[in-house]
C-alpha atoms as a PDB file:
ATOM      1  CA  MET A   1     -26.724  29.365 -11.026  1.00  0.00           C
ATOM      2  CA  GLU A   2     -24.295  30.088 -13.853  1.00  0.00           C
ATOM      3  CA  SER A   3     -25.636  31.574 -17.084  1.00  0.00           C
ATOM      4  CA  GLU A   4     -24.506  33.283 -20.226  1.00  0.00           C
ATOM      5  CA  THR A   5     -25.947  36.729 -21.066  1.00  0.00           C
ATOM      6  CA  ILE A   6     -25.848  37.965 -24.683  1.00  0.00           C
ATOM      7  CA  TYR A   7     -26.329  41.685 -25.132  1.00  0.00           C
ATOM      8  CA  SER A   8     -27.770  43.152 -28.328  1.00  0.00           C
ATOM      9  CA  MET A   9     -25.136  45.325 -29.958  1.00  0.00           C
ATOM     10  CA  SER A  10     -26.197  47.317 -32.983  1.00  0.00           C
ATOM     11  CA  PRO A  11     -22.878  49.075 -33.841  1.00  0.00           C
ATOM     12  CA  GLU A  12     -20.552  46.804 -35.833  1.00  0.00           C
ATOM     13  CA  ARG A  13     -17.408  47.543 -33.856  1.00  0.00           C
ATOM     14  CA  PRO A  14     -18.596  46.321 -30.426  1.00  0.00           C
ATOM     15  CA  LEU A  15     -19.911  43.149 -32.120  1.00  0.00           C
ATOM     16  CA  ASP A  16     -16.467  42.589 -33.684  1.00  0.00           C
ATOM     17  CA  TYR A  17     -14.875  42.924 -30.261  1.00  0.00           C
ATOM     18  CA  ALA A  18     -17.277  40.344 -28.859  1.00  0.00           C
ATOM     19  CA  GLN A  19     -16.374  37.902 -31.615  1.00  0.00           C
ATOM     20  CA  MET A  20     -12.700  38.545 -31.007  1.00  0.00           C
ATOM     21  CA  VAL A  21     -13.145  37.646 -27.345  1.00  0.00           C
ATOM     22  CA  LEU A  22     -14.861  34.418 -28.356  1.00  0.00           C
ATOM     23  CA  ASP A  23     -12.237  33.556 -30.963  1.00  0.00           C
ATOM     24  CA  ASN A  24      -9.384  34.077 -28.516  1.00  0.00           C
ATOM     25  CA  SER A  25     -10.797  31.529 -26.111  1.00  0.00           C
ATOM     26  CA  THR A  26      -9.185  28.104 -26.230  1.00  0.00           C
ATOM     27  CA  ASP A  27     -12.538  26.548 -25.355  1.00  0.00           C
ATOM     28  CA  ALA A  28     -14.807  25.501 -28.194  1.00  0.00           C
ATOM     29  CA  ILE A  29     -17.974  27.631 -27.728  1.00  0.00           C
ATOM     30  CA  VAL A  30     -21.339  27.442 -29.464  1.00  0.00           C
ATOM     31  CA  LEU A  31     -24.574  29.248 -28.707  1.00  0.00           C
ATOM     32  CA  MET A  32     -27.717  27.319 -29.642  1.00  0.00           C
ATOM     33  CA  GLY A  33     -31.313  28.528 -29.799  1.00  0.00           C
ATOM     34  CA  LEU A  34     -34.133  26.615 -28.150  1.00  0.00           C
ATOM     35  CA  ASP A  35     -34.637  24.806 -31.472  1.00  0.00           C
ATOM     36  CA  TYR A  36     -30.928  23.753 -31.502  1.00  0.00           C
ATOM     37  CA  SER A  37     -30.102  26.199 -34.326  1.00  0.00           C
ATOM     38  CA  VAL A  38     -26.583  27.643 -34.188  1.00  0.00           C
ATOM     39  CA  LEU A  39     -26.719  31.327 -33.173  1.00  0.00           C
ATOM     40  CA  ALA A  40     -22.987  31.921 -32.677  1.00  0.00           C
ATOM     41  CA  PHE A  41     -19.721  30.025 -32.389  1.00  0.00           C
ATOM     42  CA  ASN A  42     -16.021  30.767 -32.127  1.00  0.00           C
ATOM     43  CA  GLN A  43     -12.934  29.821 -34.136  1.00  0.00           C
ATOM     44  CA  SER A  44     -11.916  27.070 -31.671  1.00  0.00           C
ATOM     45  CA  LEU A  45     -15.229  25.251 -32.269  1.00  0.00           C
ATOM     46  CA  LEU A  46     -14.825  25.582 -36.000  1.00  0.00           C
ATOM     47  CA  ASP A  47     -11.281  24.138 -35.850  1.00  0.00           C
ATOM     48  CA  THR A  48     -12.343  21.329 -33.509  1.00  0.00           C
ATOM     49  CA  LEU A  49     -15.230  20.170 -35.645  1.00  0.00           C
ATOM     50  CA  LYS A  50     -13.167  20.352 -38.799  1.00  0.00           C
ATOM     51  CA  ALA A  51     -10.363  18.276 -37.239  1.00  0.00           C
ATOM     52  CA  TYR A  52     -12.659  15.829 -35.528  1.00  0.00           C
ATOM     53  CA  SER A  53     -15.397  15.272 -38.125  1.00  0.00           C
ATOM     54  CA  GLY A  54     -14.129  17.059 -41.231  1.00  0.00           C
ATOM     55  CA  ARG A  55     -17.299  19.158 -41.343  1.00  0.00           C
ATOM     56  CA  MET A  56     -17.823  22.947 -41.411  1.00  0.00           C
ATOM     57  CA  ILE A  57     -20.391  24.656 -39.213  1.00  0.00           C
ATOM     58  CA  GLN A  58     -22.470  27.695 -40.131  1.00  0.00           C
ATOM     59  CA  ILE A  59     -24.979  30.005 -38.460  1.00  0.00           C
ATOM     60  CA  GLY A  60     -28.439  28.481 -38.643  1.00  0.00           C
ATOM     61  CA  ASP A  61     -27.236  24.847 -38.730  1.00  0.00           C
ATOM     62  CA  ASP A  62     -28.973  22.346 -36.479  1.00  0.00           C
ATOM     63  CA  TYR A  63     -26.250  21.587 -33.950  1.00  0.00           C
ATOM     64  CA  ARG A  64     -27.645  18.127 -33.270  1.00  0.00           C
ATOM     65  CA  SER A  65     -26.271  17.002 -36.610  1.00  0.00           C
ATOM     66  CA  PHE A  66     -22.742  17.541 -35.250  1.00  0.00           C
ATOM     67  CA  VAL A  67     -23.316  15.373 -32.177  1.00  0.00           C
ATOM     68  CA  THR A  68     -22.049  11.791 -32.470  1.00  0.00           C
ATOM     69  CA  ASP A  69     -24.421   8.897 -31.860  1.00  0.00           C
ATOM     70  CA  GLN A  70     -22.652   7.897 -28.662  1.00  0.00           C
ATOM     71  CA  ASP A  71     -23.007  11.415 -27.244  1.00  0.00           C
ATOM     72  CA  LYS A  72     -26.618  12.171 -28.267  1.00  0.00           C
ATOM     73  CA  GLU A  73     -28.305  10.880 -25.132  1.00  0.00           C
ATOM     74  CA  VAL A  74     -25.906  12.770 -22.852  1.00  0.00           C
ATOM     75  CA  PHE A  75     -26.157  15.896 -25.040  1.00  0.00           C
ATOM     76  CA  HIS A  76     -29.946  16.037 -24.898  1.00  0.00           C
ATOM     77  CA  GLY A  77     -29.890  15.475 -21.133  1.00  0.00           C
ATOM     78  CA  LEU A  78     -27.535  18.433 -20.645  1.00  0.00           C
ATOM     79  CA  VAL A  79     -29.622  20.696 -22.893  1.00  0.00           C
ATOM     80  CA  GLU A  80     -32.806  19.807 -20.983  1.00  0.00           C
ATOM     81  CA  LYS A  81     -31.148  20.725 -17.683  1.00  0.00           C
ATOM     82  CA  ALA A  82     -29.890  23.998 -19.146  1.00  0.00           C
ATOM     83  CA  ILE A  83     -33.378  24.919 -20.408  1.00  0.00           C
ATOM     84  CA  GLN A  84     -34.631  24.274 -16.860  1.00  0.00           C
ATOM     85  CA  GLY A  85     -32.065  26.838 -15.641  1.00  0.00           C
ATOM     86  CA  GLU A  86     -29.398  24.395 -14.422  1.00  0.00           C
ATOM     87  CA  SER A  87     -25.724  24.678 -15.267  1.00  0.00           C
ATOM     88  CA  THR A  88     -23.854  21.383 -15.673  1.00  0.00           C
ATOM     89  CA  LEU A  89     -20.248  20.228 -15.945  1.00  0.00           C
ATOM     90  CA  LEU A  90     -19.318  16.852 -17.371  1.00  0.00           C
ATOM     91  CA  GLU A  91     -16.136  15.048 -18.341  1.00  0.00           C
ATOM     92  CA  ARG A  92     -16.601  12.653 -21.218  1.00  0.00           C
ATOM     93  CA  HIS A  93     -14.470  10.429 -23.377  1.00  0.00           C
ATOM     94  CA  SER A  94     -15.184  10.674 -27.097  1.00  0.00           C
ATOM     95  CA  ASP A  95     -14.085   8.015 -29.560  1.00  0.00           C
ATOM     96  CA  HIS A  96     -15.018   8.766 -33.156  1.00  0.00           C
ATOM     97  CA  LYS A  97     -13.404   7.365 -36.308  1.00  0.00           C
ATOM     98  CA  GLY A  98     -10.360   6.183 -34.424  1.00  0.00           C
ATOM     99  CA  ILE A  99      -9.817   9.507 -32.667  1.00  0.00           C
ATOM    100  CA  SER A 100      -9.914   9.203 -28.880  1.00  0.00           C
ATOM    101  CA  ILE A 101     -10.139  12.461 -26.850  1.00  0.00           C
ATOM    102  CA  TRP A 102     -11.314  13.494 -23.388  1.00  0.00           C
ATOM    103  CA  PHE A 103     -13.462  16.658 -23.238  1.00  0.00           C
ATOM    104  CA  GLU A 104     -14.927  18.714 -20.449  1.00  0.00           C
ATOM    105  CA  TYR A 105     -18.412  19.934 -21.353  1.00  0.00           C
ATOM    106  CA  ARG A 106     -20.045  22.922 -19.617  1.00  0.00           C
ATOM    107  CA  MET A 107     -23.682  23.679 -20.484  1.00  0.00           C
ATOM    108  CA  ASN A 108     -25.271  26.946 -19.314  1.00  0.00           C
ATOM    109  CA  PRO A 109     -28.647  28.585 -19.920  1.00  0.00           C
ATOM    110  CA  THR A 110     -28.178  31.859 -21.832  1.00  0.00           C
ATOM    111  CA  TYR A 111     -30.344  34.955 -21.450  1.00  0.00           C
ATOM    112  CA  ASP A 112     -30.777  38.192 -23.373  1.00  0.00           C
ATOM    113  CA  LYS A 113     -30.618  41.647 -21.837  1.00  0.00           C
ATOM    114  CA  GLU A 114     -34.217  41.412 -20.658  1.00  0.00           C
ATOM    115  CA  LYS A 115     -33.451  38.094 -18.864  1.00  0.00           C
ATOM    116  CA  ASN A 116     -35.440  36.088 -21.372  1.00  0.00           C
ATOM    117  CA  LEU A 117     -34.089  32.639 -22.128  1.00  0.00           C
ATOM    118  CA  LEU A 118     -32.283  32.928 -25.431  1.00  0.00           C
ATOM    119  CA  GLY A 119     -30.866  29.434 -25.686  1.00  0.00           C
ATOM    120  CA  VAL A 120     -28.044  27.263 -24.409  1.00  0.00           C
ATOM    121  CA  CYS A 121     -24.306  27.905 -24.449  1.00  0.00           C
ATOM    122  CA  LEU A 122     -22.036  24.879 -24.764  1.00  0.00           C
ATOM    123  CA  ARG A 123     -18.349  25.180 -23.888  1.00  0.00           C
ATOM    124  CA  ALA A 124     -16.067  22.229 -24.653  1.00  0.00           C
ATOM    125  CA  LYS A 125     -12.500  22.055 -23.376  1.00  0.00           C
ATOM    126  CA  ASN A 126      -9.929  19.506 -24.556  1.00  0.00           C
ATOM    127  CA  ILE A 127      -8.665  17.912 -21.317  1.00  0.00           C
ATOM    128  CA  ASP A 128      -7.105  14.876 -22.992  1.00  0.00           C
ATOM    129  CA  VAL A 129      -3.553  15.363 -21.700  1.00  0.00           C
ATOM    130  CA  ARG A 130      -4.656  16.166 -18.160  1.00  0.00           C
ATOM    131  CA  LYS A 131      -7.196  13.335 -18.027  1.00  0.00           C
ATOM    132  CA  LYS A 132      -4.786  10.729 -19.363  1.00  0.00           C
ATOM    133  CA  MET A 133      -2.231  11.845 -16.798  1.00  0.00           C
ATOM    134  CA  GLU A 134      -4.850  11.486 -14.083  1.00  0.00           C
ATOM    135  CA  ILE A 135      -5.771   8.026 -15.352  1.00  0.00           C
ATOM    136  CA  ALA A 136      -2.104   6.994 -15.547  1.00  0.00           C
ATOM    137  CA  LEU A 137      -1.558   8.284 -12.004  1.00  0.00           C
ATOM    138  CA  SER A 138      -4.689   6.517 -10.779  1.00  0.00           C
ATOM    139  CA  GLU A 139      -3.549   3.250 -12.438  1.00  0.00           C
ATOM    140  CA  SER A 140      -0.109   3.683 -10.909  1.00  0.00           C
ATOM    141  CA  GLU A 141      -1.638   4.257  -7.471  1.00  0.00           C
ATOM    142  CA  GLN A 142      -3.853   1.192  -7.919  1.00  0.00           C
ATOM    143  CA  LYS A 143      -0.863  -0.954  -8.909  1.00  0.00           C
ATOM    144  CA  PHE A 144       0.947   0.393  -5.849  1.00  0.00           C
ATOM    145  CA  ARG A 145      -2.023  -0.472  -3.623  1.00  0.00           C
ATOM    146  CA  ASN A 146      -2.328  -3.936  -5.204  1.00  0.00           C
ATOM    147  CA  LEU A 147       1.372  -4.500  -4.580  1.00  0.00           C
ATOM    148  CA  ILE A 148       0.966  -3.500  -0.939  1.00  0.00           C
ATOM    149  CA  GLU A 149      -2.137  -5.626  -0.472  1.00  0.00           C
ATOM    150  CA  SER A 150      -0.489  -8.715  -1.950  1.00  0.00           C
ATOM    151  CA  ALA A 151       2.638  -8.361   0.241  1.00  0.00           C
ATOM    152  CA  PRO A 152       3.162 -11.229   2.737  1.00  0.00           C
ATOM    153  CA  ASN A 153       4.215  -8.786   5.465  1.00  0.00           C
ATOM    154  CA  ALA A 154       2.429  -5.969   7.291  1.00  0.00           C
ATOM    155  CA  ILE A 155       2.978  -2.589   5.568  1.00  0.00           C
ATOM    156  CA  LEU A 156       2.134   0.822   7.009  1.00  0.00           C
ATOM    157  CA  ILE A 157       2.276   4.207   5.215  1.00  0.00           C
ATOM    158  CA  VAL A 158       2.814   6.990   7.743  1.00  0.00           C
ATOM    159  CA  ASP A 159       2.613  10.748   7.174  1.00  0.00           C
ATOM    160  CA  THR A 160       4.866  13.451   8.635  1.00  0.00           C
ATOM    161  CA  GLU A 161       2.690  13.679  11.739  1.00  0.00           C
ATOM    162  CA  GLY A 162       3.219  10.019  12.514  1.00  0.00           C
ATOM    163  CA  LYS A 163      -0.344   9.113  11.521  1.00  0.00           C
ATOM    164  CA  ILE A 164      -1.126   5.928   9.567  1.00  0.00           C
ATOM    165  CA  VAL A 165      -2.618   6.847   6.164  1.00  0.00           C
ATOM    166  CA  HIS A 166      -2.680   3.329   4.677  1.00  0.00           C
ATOM    167  CA  CYS A 167      -2.135  -0.257   5.726  1.00  0.00           C
ATOM    168  CA  ASN A 168      -2.584  -3.624   4.060  1.00  0.00           C
ATOM    169  CA  LEU A 169      -4.562  -6.766   4.900  1.00  0.00           C
ATOM    170  CA  GLU A 170      -1.530  -8.461   6.480  1.00  0.00           C
ATOM    171  CA  THR A 171      -1.401  -5.616   9.003  1.00  0.00           C
ATOM    172  CA  GLU A 172      -4.842  -6.751  10.203  1.00  0.00           C
ATOM    173  CA  ASN A 173      -3.624 -10.357  10.430  1.00  0.00           C
ATOM    174  CA  THR A 174      -0.466  -9.369  12.307  1.00  0.00           C
ATOM    175  CA  PHE A 175      -1.902  -6.900  14.814  1.00  0.00           C
ATOM    176  CA  GLY A 176      -5.595  -7.815  14.992  1.00  0.00           C
ATOM    177  CA  PHE A 177      -6.752  -4.258  14.194  1.00  0.00           C
ATOM    178  CA  LYS A 178      -9.191  -3.590  11.350  1.00  0.00           C
ATOM    179  CA  LYS A 179      -8.022  -0.995   8.786  1.00  0.00           C
ATOM    180  CA  GLU A 180     -10.560   1.557   9.972  1.00  0.00           C
ATOM    181  CA  GLU A 181      -9.143   1.230  13.509  1.00  0.00           C
ATOM    182  CA  LEU A 182      -5.673   2.210  12.293  1.00  0.00           C
ATOM    183  CA  ILE A 183      -6.236   4.778   9.540  1.00  0.00           C
ATOM    184  CA  ASP A 184      -5.599   8.355  10.794  1.00  0.00           C
ATOM    185  CA  LYS A 185      -4.386   6.940  14.123  1.00  0.00           C
ATOM    186  CA  SER A 186      -0.915   7.466  15.542  1.00  0.00           C
ATOM    187  CA  VAL A 187       1.601   4.747  14.794  1.00  0.00           C
ATOM    188  CA  GLU A 188       2.340   4.721  18.523  1.00  0.00           C
ATOM    189  CA  GLN A 189      -0.839   2.676  18.920  1.00  0.00           C
ATOM    190  CA  LEU A 190       1.328  -0.294  17.909  1.00  0.00           C
ATOM    191  CA  VAL A 191       4.170   0.567  20.316  1.00  0.00           C
ATOM    192  CA  PRO A 192       4.206  -1.008  23.806  1.00  0.00           C
ATOM    193  CA  MET A 193       3.287   1.511  26.499  1.00  0.00           C
ATOM    194  CA  ARG A 194       6.706   1.333  28.220  1.00  0.00           C
ATOM    195  CA  HIS A 195       8.430   2.327  24.977  1.00  0.00           C
ATOM    196  CA  ARG A 196       6.149   5.248  24.022  1.00  0.00           C
ATOM    197  CA  THR A 197       8.038   7.854  26.027  1.00  0.00           C
ATOM    198  CA  GLY A 198      10.296   9.573  23.533  1.00  0.00           C
ATOM    199  CA  HIS A 199       9.065   7.487  20.619  1.00  0.00           C
ATOM    200  CA  ASP A 200       7.437  10.554  19.017  1.00  0.00           C
ATOM    201  CA  ARG A 201      10.807  12.340  19.083  1.00  0.00           C
ATOM    202  CA  LEU A 202      12.435   9.374  17.331  1.00  0.00           C
ATOM    203  CA  VAL A 203       9.693   9.442  14.675  1.00  0.00           C
ATOM    204  CA  ASN A 204      10.028  13.200  14.144  1.00  0.00           C
ATOM    205  CA  GLY A 205      13.800  12.894  13.929  1.00  0.00           C
ATOM    206  CA  TYR A 206      13.545  10.188  11.286  1.00  0.00           C
ATOM    207  CA  LEU A 207      10.993  12.208   9.272  1.00  0.00           C
ATOM    208  CA  GLN A 208      13.405  15.148   9.146  1.00  0.00           C
ATOM    209  CA  ALA A 209      15.937  13.034   7.262  1.00  0.00           C
ATOM    210  CA  PRO A 210      14.360   9.740   6.207  1.00  0.00           C
ATOM    211  CA  LYS A 211      16.681   7.062   4.853  1.00  0.00           C
ATOM    212  CA  PRO A 212      16.484   3.269   4.466  1.00  0.00           C
ATOM    213  CA  MET A 213      16.727   1.745   7.941  1.00  0.00           C
ATOM    214  CA  ARG A 214      16.251  -1.712   9.396  1.00  0.00           C
ATOM    215  CA  ILE A 215      15.156  -2.013  13.027  1.00  0.00           C
ATOM    216  CA  GLY A 216      15.459  -5.351  14.767  1.00  0.00           C
ATOM    217  CA  LYS A 217      18.370  -6.767  12.791  1.00  0.00           C
ATOM    218  CA  ASN A 218      20.962  -6.449  15.538  1.00  0.00           C
ATOM    219  CA  GLN A 219      18.571  -5.816  18.424  1.00  0.00           C
ATOM    220  CA  VAL A 220      15.077  -7.044  19.133  1.00  0.00           C
ATOM    221  CA  ALA A 221      12.221  -4.546  18.665  1.00  0.00           C
ATOM    222  CA  SER A 222       8.761  -5.119  20.048  1.00  0.00           C
ATOM    223  CA  ALA A 223       5.211  -4.150  19.052  1.00  0.00           C
ATOM    224  CA  VAL A 224       1.816  -4.639  20.651  1.00  0.00           C
ATOM    225  CA  LYS A 225      -1.303  -6.259  19.186  1.00  0.00           C
ATOM    226  CA  LYS A 226      -4.902  -5.187  19.713  1.00  0.00           C
ATOM    227  CA  ASP A 227      -5.364  -7.755  22.509  1.00  0.00           C
ATOM    228  CA  GLY A 228      -2.278  -6.427  24.333  1.00  0.00           C
ATOM    229  CA  THR A 229      -0.009  -9.303  23.300  1.00  0.00           C
ATOM    230  CA  GLU A 230       3.520  -8.188  22.581  1.00  0.00           C
ATOM    231  CA  ILE A 231       5.366  -9.566  19.575  1.00  0.00           C
ATOM    232  CA  LEU A 232       8.957  -9.277  18.422  1.00  0.00           C
ATOM    233  CA  VAL A 233       9.304  -7.520  15.088  1.00  0.00           C
ATOM    234  CA  GLU A 234      11.795  -6.522  12.423  1.00  0.00           C
ATOM    235  CA  ILE A 235      10.945  -3.172  10.772  1.00  0.00           C
ATOM    236  CA  SER A 236      12.269  -1.805   7.465  1.00  0.00           C
ATOM    237  CA  LEU A 237      11.775   1.961   7.082  1.00  0.00           C
ATOM    238  CA  ASN A 238      12.059   4.118   3.969  1.00  0.00           C
ATOM    239  CA  GLY A 239      10.954   7.617   3.060  1.00  0.00           C
ATOM    240  CA  PHE A 240       9.307   8.708  -0.193  1.00  0.00           C
ATOM    241  CA  GLU A 241       7.514  11.742  -1.619  1.00  0.00           C
ATOM    242  CA  VAL A 242       4.164  11.976  -3.415  1.00  0.00           C
ATOM    243  CA  ASN A 243       2.814  15.329  -4.693  1.00  0.00           C
ATOM    244  CA  GLN A 244       5.436  17.203  -2.613  1.00  0.00           C
ATOM    245  CA  THR A 245       4.283  15.412   0.538  1.00  0.00           C
ATOM    246  CA  ASN A 246       6.648  13.184   2.512  1.00  0.00           C
ATOM    247  CA  TYR A 247       5.648   9.746   3.745  1.00  0.00           C
ATOM    248  CA  VAL A 248       7.390   6.788   5.385  1.00  0.00           C
ATOM    249  CA  SER A 249       6.763   3.167   4.555  1.00  0.00           C
ATOM    250  CA  ALA A 250       7.214   0.604   7.312  1.00  0.00           C
ATOM    251  CA  ILE A 251       7.460  -3.094   6.420  1.00  0.00           C
ATOM    252  CA  ILE A 252       6.905  -5.091   9.599  1.00  0.00           C
ATOM    253  CA  VAL A 253       7.784  -8.761   9.990  1.00  0.00           C
ATOM    254  CA  ASP A 254       6.637 -10.738  13.032  1.00  0.00           C
ATOM    255  CA  ILE A 255       9.774 -12.613  14.093  1.00  0.00           C
ATOM    256  CA  THR A 256       8.437 -13.831  17.477  1.00  0.00           C
ATOM    257  CA  GLU A 257       8.397 -17.477  16.477  1.00  0.00           C
ATOM    258  CA  LYS A 258      11.774 -17.187  14.760  1.00  0.00           C
ATOM    259  CA  ILE A 259      13.372 -15.691  17.887  1.00  0.00           C
ATOM    260  CA  GLN A 260      11.740 -18.319  20.092  1.00  0.00           C
ATOM    261  CA  ILE A 261      13.112 -21.103  17.885  1.00  0.00           C
ATOM    262  CA  GLU A 262      16.576 -19.522  17.851  1.00  0.00           C
ATOM    263  CA  ASN A 263      16.541 -19.189  21.654  1.00  0.00           C
ATOM    264  CA  LYS A 264      15.388 -22.796  22.003  1.00  0.00           C
ATOM    265  CA  ILE A 265      18.224 -23.992  19.769  1.00  0.00           C
ATOM    266  CA  LYS A 266      20.716 -21.990  21.814  1.00  0.00           C
ATOM    267  CA  GLU A 267      19.352 -23.504  25.025  1.00  0.00           C
ATOM    268  CA  GLN A 268      19.558 -27.004  23.541  1.00  0.00           C
ATOM    269  CA  ILE A 269      23.160 -26.490  22.385  1.00  0.00           C
ATOM    270  CA  HIS A 270      24.084 -25.216  25.844  1.00  0.00           C
ATOM    271  CA  GLU A 271      22.353 -28.187  27.470  1.00  0.00           C
ATOM    272  CA  LEU A 272      24.110 -30.660  25.194  1.00  0.00           C
ATOM    273  CA  LYS A 273      27.454 -29.094  25.923  1.00  0.00           C
ATOM    274  CA  GLU A 274      26.731 -29.355  29.640  1.00  0.00           C
ATOM    275  CA  ILE A 275      25.680 -32.987  29.265  1.00  0.00           C
ATOM    276  CA  ALA A 276      28.804 -33.770  27.289  1.00  0.00           C
ATOM    277  CA  ARG A 277      31.023 -32.011  29.837  1.00  0.00           C
ATOM    278  CA  ILE A 278      29.546 -33.714  32.884  1.00  0.00           C
ATOM    279  CA  GLN A 279      29.051 -37.175  31.429  1.00  0.00           C
ATOM    280  CA  SER A 280      32.479 -37.336  29.865  1.00  0.00           C
ATOM    281  CA  HIS A 281      33.931 -37.320  33.385  1.00  0.00           C
ATOM    282  CA  GLU A 282      31.330 -39.728  34.789  1.00  0.00           C
ATOM    283  CA  ILE A 283      31.755 -42.237  31.965  1.00  0.00           C
ATOM    284  CA  ARG A 284      35.523 -42.362  32.383  1.00  0.00           C
ATOM    285  CA  ARG A 285      35.211 -43.685  35.959  1.00  0.00           C
ATOM    286  CA  PRO A 286      33.401 -47.048  35.245  1.00  0.00           C
ATOM    287  CA  LEU A 287      35.265 -47.390  31.985  1.00  0.00           C
ATOM    288  CA  ALA A 288      38.621 -47.054  33.790  1.00  0.00           C
ATOM    289  CA  ASN A 289      37.460 -49.684  36.312  1.00  0.00           C
ATOM    290  CA  ILE A 290      36.555 -52.086  33.525  1.00  0.00           C
ATOM    291  CA  LEU A 291      39.892 -51.642  31.793  1.00  0.00           C
ATOM    292  CA  GLY A 292      41.794 -52.135  35.068  1.00  0.00           C
ATOM    293  CA  LEU A 293      39.872 -55.291  35.971  1.00  0.00           C
ATOM    294  CA  LEU A 294      40.471 -56.748  32.510  1.00  0.00           C
ATOM    295  CA  GLU A 295      44.197 -56.260  32.991  1.00  0.00           C
ATOM    296  CA  LEU A 296      44.013 -58.124  36.301  1.00  0.00           C
ATOM    297  CA  LEU A 297      42.217 -61.068  34.645  1.00  0.00           C
ATOM    298  CA  GLU A 298      44.975 -61.307  32.045  1.00  0.00           C
ATOM    299  CA  SER A 299      47.685 -61.462  34.752  1.00  0.00           C
ATOM    300  CA  GLY A 300      46.626 -64.999  35.874  1.00  0.00           C
ATOM    301  CA  MET A 301      44.811 -65.334  39.209  1.00  0.00           C
ATOM    302  CA  SER A 302      43.102 -67.974  41.265  1.00  0.00           C
ATOM    303  CA  GLU A 303      39.574 -68.992  40.410  1.00  0.00           C
ATOM    304  CA  GLU A 304      38.216 -67.360  43.538  1.00  0.00           C
ATOM    305  CA  LYS A 305      39.920 -64.054  42.701  1.00  0.00           C
ATOM    306  CA  THR A 306      38.801 -64.332  39.077  1.00  0.00           C
ATOM    307  CA  ASN A 307      35.183 -64.744  40.153  1.00  0.00           C
ATOM    308  CA  GLU A 308      35.481 -61.676  42.367  1.00  0.00           C
ATOM    309  CA  ILE A 309      36.869 -59.627  39.484  1.00  0.00           C
ATOM    310  CA  HIS A 310      34.011 -60.839  37.234  1.00  0.00           C
ATOM    311  CA  SER A 311      31.595 -59.529  39.850  1.00  0.00           C
ATOM    312  CA  TYR A 312      33.296 -56.122  39.865  1.00  0.00           C
ATOM    313  CA  LEU A 313      33.279 -56.099  36.017  1.00  0.00           C
ATOM    314  CA  LYS A 314      29.532 -56.750  35.969  1.00  0.00           C
ATOM    315  CA  GLU A 315      28.929 -53.946  38.480  1.00  0.00           C
ATOM    316  CA  SER A 316      31.080 -51.469  36.520  1.00  0.00           C
ATOM    317  CA  ALA A 317      29.312 -52.427  33.260  1.00  0.00           C
ATOM    318  CA  LYS A 318      25.939 -51.731  34.904  1.00  0.00           C
ATOM    319  CA  ASP A 319      27.196 -48.327  36.111  1.00  0.00           C
ATOM    320  CA  LEU A 320      28.333 -47.539  32.575  1.00  0.00           C
ATOM    321  CA  ASP A 321      25.004 -48.639  31.127  1.00  0.00           C
ATOM    322  CA  LEU A 322      23.110 -46.395  33.606  1.00  0.00           C
ATOM    323  CA  LEU A 323      25.232 -43.406  32.619  1.00  0.00           C
ATOM    324  CA  VAL A 324      24.589 -44.014  28.908  1.00  0.00           C
ATOM    325  CA  CYS A 325      20.812 -44.256  29.545  1.00  0.00           C
ATOM    326  CA  GLU A 326      20.928 -41.041  31.573  1.00  0.00           C
ATOM    327  CA  ILE A 327      22.663 -39.217  28.696  1.00  0.00           C
ATOM    328  CA  VAL A 328      20.014 -40.484  26.268  1.00  0.00           C
ATOM    329  CA  ASN A 329      17.183 -39.393  28.566  1.00  0.00           C
ATOM    330  CA  ARG A 330      18.583 -35.921  29.191  1.00  0.00           C
ATOM    331  CA  THR A 331      19.193 -35.430  25.478  1.00  0.00           C
ATOM    332  CA  ALA A 332      15.605 -36.454  24.691  1.00  0.00           C
ATOM    333  CA  ILE A 333      14.229 -34.069  27.367  1.00  0.00           C
ATOM    334  CA  SER A 334      16.379 -31.238  26.007  1.00  0.00           C
ATOM    335  CA  PHE A 335      15.051 -31.635  22.446  1.00  0.00           C
ATOM    336  CA  SER A 336      11.467 -32.017  23.549  1.00  0.00           C
ATOM    337  CA  LYS A 337      11.354 -28.638  25.324  1.00  0.00           C
END
């Protein structure tokens, strides 16, 4: 239990030294009796009250008159705890007459030399700059988190030990793991077992000199989901520093479907080329027959020979029709795969 002890000092000089110690403190300090009367205060409190409320404080004043309406309930609660022997610490935002300041209030019970409760000591510290920096940092972190959460791709934040310290909702959708199953776990949990050998060395090597890197652009990378399913991924890595601590962000895009579609298109193109190559030769045979028979008809022949040529023409036309139908069928099968 923290407390303030005030010693009785009859000689003037020691009392002056005590006041000098108080006045050299940057904290605003006031000692109140059990009836809230001001027993002592320092120069910092005097300057603070004068700047904040325009009022002067004197020994014997009722300190409650200097407490703003918005702070009265909190003030009385802290005093009651101090009277019960409890020390308290509270950060509070004060807004009075257009002046907005953050203060840290510390309330301690104060005893005399005989350990009798003398009153309550209030110490107020202006923490406005620090608090506003904390708030700005917190807001910045929240914006950063909101940005990550709203991203359409899975995002992991990994520390220098290769452990996942943050991930977004899309990570759950991509890999099937809940956040709590990934936080503080090794990133290797998402690496297929056959690729884990040496993966930690690659991670450590990257963390030694992190730079923007894209994995999967020119070669396919793979990852594993919670159910063991492997997916093809493209990973963008980048290093950054927060509070002198290095981290790596990994943006992961599931490109399994994209790769499958690309492979299907390649297969279809190859199939069509093969169909075109084979059928171009096959089609030329009945077509050449038809052209040759037509030339014979034009040369002038007997009716019997003409009928025979017509029969050959009909047969070649059927062969040509069958080839065309076969091309159509093979093309349809190729595109339906």
